[in-house]
PDB file of N, CA and C in Angstrom:
ATOM      1  N   MET A   1      -8.652 -19.963  30.569  1.00  0.00           N
ATOM      2  CA  MET A   1      -9.439 -20.459  29.467  1.00  0.00           C
ATOM      3  C   MET A   1     -10.127 -19.299  28.736  1.00  0.00           C
ATOM      4  N   MET A   2     -10.646 -18.313  29.467  1.00  0.00           N
ATOM      5  CA  MET A   2     -11.296 -17.163  28.836  1.00  0.00           C
ATOM      6  C   MET A   2     -10.296 -16.357  28.010  1.00  0.00           C
ATOM      7  N   ASN A   3      -9.056 -16.253  28.503  1.00  0.00           N
ATOM      8  CA  ASN A   3      -8.037 -15.505  27.776  1.00  0.00           C
ATOM      9  C   ASN A   3      -7.717 -16.167  26.439  1.00  0.00           C
ATOM     10  N   ASP A   4      -7.700 -17.493  26.433  1.00  0.00           N
ATOM     11  CA  ASP A   4      -7.453 -18.225  25.184  1.00  0.00           C
ATOM     12  C   ASP A   4      -8.576 -17.978  24.184  1.00  0.00           C
ATOM     13  N   ASP A   5      -9.815 -17.990  24.662  1.00  0.00           N
ATOM     14  CA  ASP A   5     -10.959 -17.733  23.792  1.00  0.00           C
ATOM     15  C   ASP A   5     -10.907 -16.325  23.229  1.00  0.00           C
ATOM     16  N   LEU A   6     -10.582 -15.373  24.080  1.00  0.00           N
ATOM     17  CA  LEU A   6     -10.482 -13.977  23.645  1.00  0.00           C
ATOM     18  C   LEU A   6      -9.365 -13.814  22.622  1.00  0.00           C
ATOM     19  N   HIS A   7      -8.237 -14.446  22.899  1.00  0.00           N
ATOM     20  CA  HIS A   7      -7.097 -14.373  21.973  1.00  0.00           C
ATOM     21  C   HIS A   7      -7.484 -14.936  20.605  1.00  0.00           C
ATOM     22  N   GLU A   8      -8.166 -16.076  20.593  1.00  0.00           N
ATOM     23  CA  GLU A   8      -8.592 -16.687  19.329  1.00  0.00           C
ATOM     24  C   GLU A   8      -9.599 -15.805  18.602  1.00  0.00           C
ATOM     25  N   ALA A   9     -10.528 -15.196  19.337  1.00  0.00           N
ATOM     26  CA  ALA A   9     -11.535 -14.327  18.721  1.00  0.00           C
ATOM     27  C   ALA A   9     -10.873 -13.107  18.086  1.00  0.00           C
ATOM     28  N   VAL A  10      -9.901 -12.511  18.789  1.00  0.00           N
ATOM     29  CA  VAL A  10      -9.190 -11.347  18.264  1.00  0.00           C
ATOM     30  C   VAL A  10      -8.385 -11.747  17.034  1.00  0.00           C
ATOM     31  N   LYS A  11      -7.747 -12.912  17.088  1.00  0.00           N
ATOM     32  CA  LYS A  11      -6.962 -13.381  15.938  1.00  0.00           C
ATOM     33  C   LYS A  11      -7.861 -13.588  14.720  1.00  0.00           C
ATOM     34  N   LYS A  12      -9.041 -14.176  14.918  1.00  0.00           N
ATOM     35  CA  LYS A  12      -9.966 -14.386  13.794  1.00  0.00           C
ATOM     36  C   LYS A  12     -10.414 -13.044  13.214  1.00  0.00           C
ATOM     37  N   CYS A  13     -10.688 -12.079  14.087  1.00  0.00           N
ATOM     38  CA  CYS A  13     -11.096 -10.750  13.622  1.00  0.00           C
ATOM     39  C   CYS A  13      -9.981 -10.099  12.812  1.00  0.00           C
ATOM     40  N   LEU A  14      -8.754 -10.212  13.280  1.00  0.00           N
ATOM     41  CA  LEU A  14      -7.618  -9.639  12.556  1.00  0.00           C
ATOM     42  C   LEU A  14      -7.440 -10.312  11.196  1.00  0.00           C
ATOM     43  N   ASP A  15      -7.614 -11.612  11.154  1.00  0.00           N
ATOM     44  CA  ASP A  15      -7.500 -12.340   9.885  1.00  0.00           C
ATOM     45  C   ASP A  15      -8.570 -11.878   8.890  1.00  0.00           C
ATOM     46  N   ILE A  16      -9.804 -11.735   9.374  1.00  0.00           N
ATOM     47  CA  ILE A  16     -10.888 -11.275   8.514  1.00  0.00           C
ATOM     48  C   ILE A  16     -10.611  -9.864   8.026  1.00  0.00           C
ATOM     49  N   LEU A  17     -10.155  -9.006   8.925  1.00  0.00           N
ATOM     50  CA  LEU A  17      -9.840  -7.628   8.566  1.00  0.00           C
ATOM     51  C   LEU A  17      -8.737  -7.575   7.518  1.00  0.00           C
ATOM     52  N   GLU A  18      -7.705  -8.371   7.713  1.00  0.00           N
ATOM     53  CA  GLU A  18      -6.596  -8.392   6.752  1.00  0.00           C
ATOM     54  C   GLU A  18      -7.076  -8.837   5.374  1.00  0.00           C
ATOM     55  N   GLU A  19      -7.913  -9.867   5.323  1.00  0.00           N
ATOM     56  CA  GLU A  19      -8.442 -10.342   4.045  1.00  0.00           C
ATOM     57  C   GLU A  19      -9.272  -9.256   3.364  1.00  0.00           C
ATOM     58  N   ASN A  20     -10.096  -8.575   4.111  1.00  0.00           N
ATOM     59  CA  ASN A  20     -10.957  -7.549   3.533  1.00  0.00           C
ATOM     60  C   ASN A  20     -10.170  -6.327   3.088  1.00  0.00           C
ATOM     61  N   VAL A  21      -9.139  -5.954   3.815  1.00  0.00           N
ATOM     62  CA  VAL A  21      -8.316  -4.811   3.419  1.00  0.00           C
ATOM     63  C   VAL A  21      -7.657  -5.103   2.077  1.00  0.00           C
ATOM     64  N   GLU A  22      -7.162  -6.308   1.907  1.00  0.00           N
ATOM     65  CA  GLU A  22      -6.536  -6.663   0.639  1.00  0.00           C
ATOM     66  C   GLU A  22      -7.550  -6.656  -0.502  1.00  0.00           C
ATOM     67  N   ILE A  23      -8.731  -7.189  -0.251  1.00  0.00           N
ATOM     68  CA  ILE A  23      -9.776  -7.217  -1.285  1.00  0.00           C
ATOM     69  C   ILE A  23     -10.146  -5.798  -1.688  1.00  0.00           C
ATOM     70  N   LEU A  24     -10.351  -4.926  -0.694  1.00  0.00           N
ATOM     71  CA  LEU A  24     -10.704  -3.541  -0.997  1.00  0.00           C
ATOM     72  C   LEU A  24      -9.572  -2.822  -1.726  1.00  0.00           C
ATOM     73  N   ALA A  25      -8.338  -3.064  -1.314  1.00  0.00           N
ATOM     74  CA  ALA A  25      -7.194  -2.441  -1.984  1.00  0.00           C
ATOM     75  C   ALA A  25      -7.105  -2.923  -3.434  1.00  0.00           C
ATOM     76  N   ASN A  26      -7.366  -4.216  -3.641  1.00  0.00           N
ATOM     77  CA  ASN A  26      -7.339  -4.760  -5.004  1.00  0.00           C
ATOM     78  C   ASN A  26      -8.431  -4.141  -5.862  1.00  0.00           C
ATOM     79  N   LEU A  27      -9.630  -4.000  -5.296  1.00  0.00           N
ATOM     80  CA  LEU A  27     -10.725  -3.380  -6.040  1.00  0.00           C
ATOM     81  C   LEU A  27     -10.395  -1.945  -6.403  1.00  0.00           C
ATOM     82  N   GLU A  28      -9.855  -1.213  -5.436  1.00  0.00           N
ATOM     83  CA  GLU A  28      -9.492   0.180  -5.689  1.00  0.00           C
ATOM     84  C   GLU A  28      -8.446   0.269  -6.790  1.00  0.00           C
ATOM     85  N   PHE A  29      -7.446  -0.578  -6.722  1.00  0.00           N
ATOM     86  CA  PHE A  29      -6.387  -0.589  -7.724  1.00  0.00           C
ATOM     87  C   PHE A  29      -6.948  -0.933  -9.100  1.00  0.00           C
ATOM     88  N   ASP A  30      -7.828  -1.939  -9.156  1.00  0.00           N
ATOM     89  CA  ASP A  30      -8.432  -2.341 -10.431  1.00  0.00           C
ATOM     90  C   ASP A  30      -9.240  -1.206 -11.041  1.00  0.00           C
ATOM     91  N   LEU A  31     -10.007  -0.506 -10.209  1.00  0.00           N
ATOM     92  CA  LEU A  31     -10.821   0.593 -10.719  1.00  0.00           C
ATOM     93  C   LEU A  31      -9.951   1.746 -11.217  1.00  0.00           C
ATOM     94  N   GLU A  32      -8.883   2.031 -10.489  1.00  0.00           N
ATOM     95  CA  GLU A  32      -8.000   3.126 -10.890  1.00  0.00           C
ATOM     96  C   GLU A  32      -7.243   2.808 -12.162  1.00  0.00           C
ATOM     97  N   SER A  33      -6.862   1.554 -12.327  1.00  0.00           N
ATOM     98  CA  SER A  33      -6.035   1.198 -13.478  1.00  0.00           C
ATOM     99  C   SER A  33      -6.861   0.720 -14.670  1.00  0.00           C
ATOM    100  N   GLU A  34      -8.176   0.693 -14.527  1.00  0.00           N
ATOM    101  CA  GLU A  34      -9.029   0.209 -15.617  1.00  0.00           C
ATOM    102  C   GLU A  34      -8.814   1.013 -16.893  1.00  0.00           C
ATOM    103  N   ASN A  35      -8.663   2.305 -16.766  1.00  0.00           N
ATOM    104  CA  ASN A  35      -8.459   3.154 -17.941  1.00  0.00           C
ATOM    105  C   ASN A  35      -7.070   2.998 -18.531  1.00  0.00           C
ATOM    106  N   GLU A  36      -6.147   2.455 -17.748  1.00  0.00           N
ATOM    107  CA  GLU A  36      -4.772   2.324 -18.212  1.00  0.00           C
ATOM    108  C   GLU A  36      -4.507   0.975 -18.870  1.00  0.00           C
ATOM    109  N   ASP A  37      -5.527   0.152 -19.026  1.00  0.00           N
ATOM    110  CA  ASP A  37      -5.344  -1.204 -19.527  1.00  0.00           C
ATOM    111  C   ASP A  37      -5.240  -1.304 -21.047  1.00  0.00           C
ATOM    112  N   GLU A  38      -5.402  -0.210 -21.741  1.00  0.00           N
ATOM    113  CA  GLU A  38      -5.312  -0.243 -23.189  1.00  0.00           C
ATOM    114  C   GLU A  38      -3.856  -0.277 -23.623  1.00  0.00           C
ATOM    115  N   LEU A  39      -3.542  -1.200 -24.507  1.00  0.00           N
ATOM    116  CA  LEU A  39      -2.183  -1.300 -25.021  1.00  0.00           C
ATOM    117  C   LEU A  39      -2.060  -0.486 -26.300  1.00  0.00           C
ATOM    118  N   THR A  40      -0.935   0.127 -26.454  1.00  0.00           N
ATOM    119  CA  THR A  40      -0.655   0.894 -27.653  1.00  0.00           C
ATOM    120  C   THR A  40       0.018  -0.033 -28.666  1.00  0.00           C
ATOM    121  N   PRO A  41      -0.527  -0.118 -29.863  1.00  0.00           N
ATOM    122  CA  PRO A  41       0.092  -1.008 -30.861  1.00  0.00           C
ATOM    123  C   PRO A  41       1.468  -0.485 -31.279  1.00  0.00           C
ATOM    124  N   ASN A  42       2.284  -1.402 -31.728  1.00  0.00           N
ATOM    125  CA  ASN A  42       3.611  -1.076 -32.263  1.00  0.00           C
ATOM    126  C   ASN A  42       4.509  -0.371 -31.253  1.00  0.00           C
ATOM    127  N   MET A  43       4.487  -0.836 -30.021  1.00  0.00           N
ATOM    128  CA  MET A  43       5.365  -0.250 -29.009  1.00  0.00           C
ATOM    129  C   MET A  43       6.799  -0.712 -29.256  1.00  0.00           C
ATOM    130  N   GLU A  44       7.713   0.166 -28.975  1.00  0.00           N
ATOM    131  CA  GLU A  44       9.132  -0.176 -29.093  1.00  0.00           C
ATOM    132  C   GLU A  44       9.526  -1.058 -27.917  1.00  0.00           C
ATOM    133  N   LEU A  45      10.613  -1.780 -28.064  1.00  0.00           N
ATOM    134  CA  LEU A  45      11.078  -2.688 -27.017  1.00  0.00           C
ATOM    135  C   LEU A  45      11.356  -1.937 -25.716  1.00  0.00           C
ATOM    136  N   HIS A  46      11.975  -0.765 -25.789  1.00  0.00           N
ATOM    137  CA  HIS A  46      12.284  -0.019 -24.571  1.00  0.00           C
ATOM    138  C   HIS A  46      11.007   0.460 -23.871  1.00  0.00           C
ATOM    139  N   GLN A  47       9.946   0.720 -24.640  1.00  0.00           N
ATOM    140  CA  GLN A  47       8.666   1.114 -24.045  1.00  0.00           C
ATOM    141  C   GLN A  47       8.032  -0.070 -23.308  1.00  0.00           C
ATOM    142  N   LEU A  48       8.133  -1.260 -23.901  1.00  0.00           N
ATOM    143  CA  LEU A  48       7.620  -2.458 -23.236  1.00  0.00           C
ATOM    144  C   LEU A  48       8.396  -2.748 -21.957  1.00  0.00           C
ATOM    145  N   TYR A  49       9.695  -2.538 -22.004  1.00  0.00           N
ATOM    146  CA  TYR A  49      10.540  -2.743 -20.821  1.00  0.00           C
ATOM    147  C   TYR A  49      10.132  -1.763 -19.716  1.00  0.00           C
ATOM    148  N   ASP A  50       9.940  -0.500 -20.070  1.00  0.00           N
ATOM    149  CA  ASP A  50       9.511   0.511 -19.097  1.00  0.00           C
ATOM    150  C   ASP A  50       8.149   0.151 -18.505  1.00  0.00           C
ATOM    151  N   LEU A  51       7.254  -0.330 -19.349  1.00  0.00           N
ATOM    152  CA  LEU A  51       5.932  -0.729 -18.901  1.00  0.00           C
ATOM    153  C   LEU A  51       6.034  -1.880 -17.897  1.00  0.00           C
ATOM    154  N   ALA A  52       6.872  -2.857 -18.188  1.00  0.00           N
ATOM    155  CA  ALA A  52       7.063  -3.994 -17.280  1.00  0.00           C
ATOM    156  C   ALA A  52       7.631  -3.525 -15.943  1.00  0.00           C
ATOM    157  N   GLU A  53       8.564  -2.586 -15.962  1.00  0.00           N
ATOM    158  CA  GLU A  53       9.117  -2.029 -14.719  1.00  0.00           C
ATOM    159  C   GLU A  53       8.042  -1.312 -13.916  1.00  0.00           C
ATOM    160  N   ASP A  54       7.193  -0.553 -14.590  1.00  0.00           N
ATOM    161  CA  ASP A  54       6.113   0.169 -13.911  1.00  0.00           C
ATOM    162  C   ASP A  54       5.144  -0.794 -13.231  1.00  0.00           C
ATOM    163  N   VAL A  55       4.800  -1.870 -13.915  1.00  0.00           N
ATOM    164  CA  VAL A  55       3.892  -2.865 -13.343  1.00  0.00           C
ATOM    165  C   VAL A  55       4.532  -3.512 -12.115  1.00  0.00           C
ATOM    166  N   SER A  56       5.804  -3.818 -12.211  1.00  0.00           N
ATOM    167  CA  SER A  56       6.515  -4.431 -11.089  1.00  0.00           C
ATOM    168  C   SER A  56       6.550  -3.489  -9.887  1.00  0.00           C
ATOM    169  N   GLU A  57       6.863  -2.229 -10.119  1.00  0.00           N
ATOM    170  CA  GLU A  57       6.910  -1.244  -9.032  1.00  0.00           C
ATOM    171  C   GLU A  57       5.532  -1.059  -8.404  1.00  0.00           C
ATOM    172  N   SER A  58       4.514  -1.044  -9.229  1.00  0.00           N
ATOM    173  CA  SER A  58       3.148  -0.887  -8.728  1.00  0.00           C
ATOM    174  C   SER A  58       2.771  -2.052  -7.816  1.00  0.00           C
ATOM    175  N   ALA A  59       3.115  -3.267  -8.222  1.00  0.00           N
ATOM    176  CA  ALA A  59       2.810  -4.450  -7.407  1.00  0.00           C
ATOM    177  C   ALA A  59       3.565  -4.400  -6.081  1.00  0.00           C
ATOM    178  N   LYS A  60       4.821  -3.946  -6.125  1.00  0.00           N
ATOM    179  CA  LYS A  60       5.610  -3.834  -4.895  1.00  0.00           C
ATOM    180  C   LYS A  60       5.008  -2.795  -3.954  1.00  0.00           C
ATOM    181  N   LEU A  61       4.573  -1.672  -4.500  1.00  0.00           N
ATOM    182  CA  LEU A  61       3.948  -0.634  -3.676  1.00  0.00           C
ATOM    183  C   LEU A  61       2.655  -1.141  -3.050  1.00  0.00           C
ATOM    184  N   LYS A  62       1.866  -1.838  -3.834  1.00  0.00           N
ATOM    185  CA  LYS A  62       0.601  -2.371  -3.332  1.00  0.00           C
ATOM    186  C   LYS A  62       0.855  -3.359  -2.200  1.00  0.00           C
ATOM    187  N   ARG A  63       1.849  -4.220  -2.364  1.00  0.00           N
ATOM    188  CA  ARG A  63       2.188  -5.187  -1.325  1.00  0.00           C
ATOM    189  C   ARG A  63       2.704  -4.481  -0.077  1.00  0.00           C
ATOM    190  N   ALA A  64       3.507  -3.447  -0.258  1.00  0.00           N
ATOM    191  CA  ALA A  64       4.030  -2.689   0.889  1.00  0.00           C
ATOM    192  C   ALA A  64       2.902  -1.992   1.644  1.00  0.00           C
ATOM    193  N   GLU A  65       1.947  -1.407   0.914  1.00  0.00           N
ATOM    194  CA  GLU A  65       0.802  -0.759   1.563  1.00  0.00           C
ATOM    195  C   GLU A  65      -0.012  -1.767   2.352  1.00  0.00           C
ATOM    196  N   SER A  66      -0.209  -2.937   1.786  1.00  0.00           N
ATOM    197  CA  SER A  66      -0.972  -3.982   2.466  1.00  0.00           C
ATOM    198  C   SER A  66      -0.257  -4.434   3.736  1.00  0.00           C
ATOM    199  N   ASN A  67       1.056  -4.620   3.644  1.00  0.00           N
ATOM    200  CA  ASN A  67       1.833  -5.028   4.814  1.00  0.00           C
ATOM    201  C   ASN A  67       1.813  -3.959   5.897  1.00  0.00           C
ATOM    202  N   LEU A  68       1.910  -2.701   5.504  1.00  0.00           N
ATOM    203  CA  LEU A  68       1.863  -1.607   6.467  1.00  0.00           C
ATOM    204  C   LEU A  68       0.513  -1.573   7.175  1.00  0.00           C
ATOM    205  N   THR A  69      -0.562  -1.713   6.427  1.00  0.00           N
ATOM    206  CA  THR A  69      -1.903  -1.722   7.015  1.00  0.00           C
ATOM    207  C   THR A  69      -2.055  -2.880   7.989  1.00  0.00           C
ATOM    208  N   ARG A  70      -1.544  -4.040   7.610  1.00  0.00           N
ATOM    209  CA  ARG A  70      -1.622  -5.213   8.485  1.00  0.00           C
ATOM    210  C   ARG A  70      -0.853  -4.971   9.779  1.00  0.00           C
ATOM    211  N   ARG A  71       0.367  -4.427   9.676  1.00  0.00           N
ATOM    212  CA  ARG A  71       1.165  -4.154  10.883  1.00  0.00           C
ATOM    213  C   ARG A  71       0.488  -3.127  11.777  1.00  0.00           C
ATOM    214  N   GLN A  72      -0.074  -2.082  11.181  1.00  0.00           N
ATOM    215  CA  GLN A  72      -0.757  -1.063  11.965  1.00  0.00           C
ATOM    216  C   GLN A  72      -1.956  -1.657  12.683  1.00  0.00           C
ATOM    217  N   THR A  73      -2.672  -2.547  12.018  1.00  0.00           N
ATOM    218  CA  THR A  73      -3.822  -3.200  12.626  1.00  0.00           C
ATOM    219  C   THR A  73      -3.384  -4.084  13.782  1.00  0.00           C
ATOM    220  N   GLU A  74      -2.312  -4.835  13.592  1.00  0.00           N
ATOM    221  CA  GLU A  74      -1.816  -5.711  14.643  1.00  0.00           C
ATOM    222  C   GLU A  74      -1.304  -4.906  15.831  1.00  0.00           C
ATOM    223  N   ASP A  75      -0.658  -3.776  15.569  1.00  0.00           N
ATOM    224  CA  ASP A  75      -0.120  -2.945  16.642  1.00  0.00           C
ATOM    225  C   ASP A  75      -1.204  -2.278  17.465  1.00  0.00           C
ATOM    226  N   SER A  76      -2.380  -2.098  16.876  1.00  0.00           N
ATOM    227  CA  SER A  76      -3.452  -1.407  17.596  1.00  0.00           C
ATOM    228  C   SER A  76      -4.095  -2.317  18.652  1.00  0.00           C
ATOM    229  N   PHE A  77      -3.798  -3.622  18.585  1.00  0.00           N
ATOM    230  CA  PHE A  77      -4.351  -4.550  19.567  1.00  0.00           C
ATOM    231  C   PHE A  77      -3.340  -4.912  20.556  1.00  0.00           C
TER     232      PHE A  77
END
């Protein structure tokens, strides 16, 4: 019974940690990209396409970093 309680407590801690890591990563990303949020008027279609690709790659990297952090946290227990 004590092992079950300990397991649940550790799981709750890991869940809280995972949520906070994502929040902090999102805040960091928002602060870093705040200066990049200005759009340039009259962009060409190929520039808009490149911009969309960059945003997609950035989101994938952010998700990969979050997943890596989560796995490292889980492995440490």
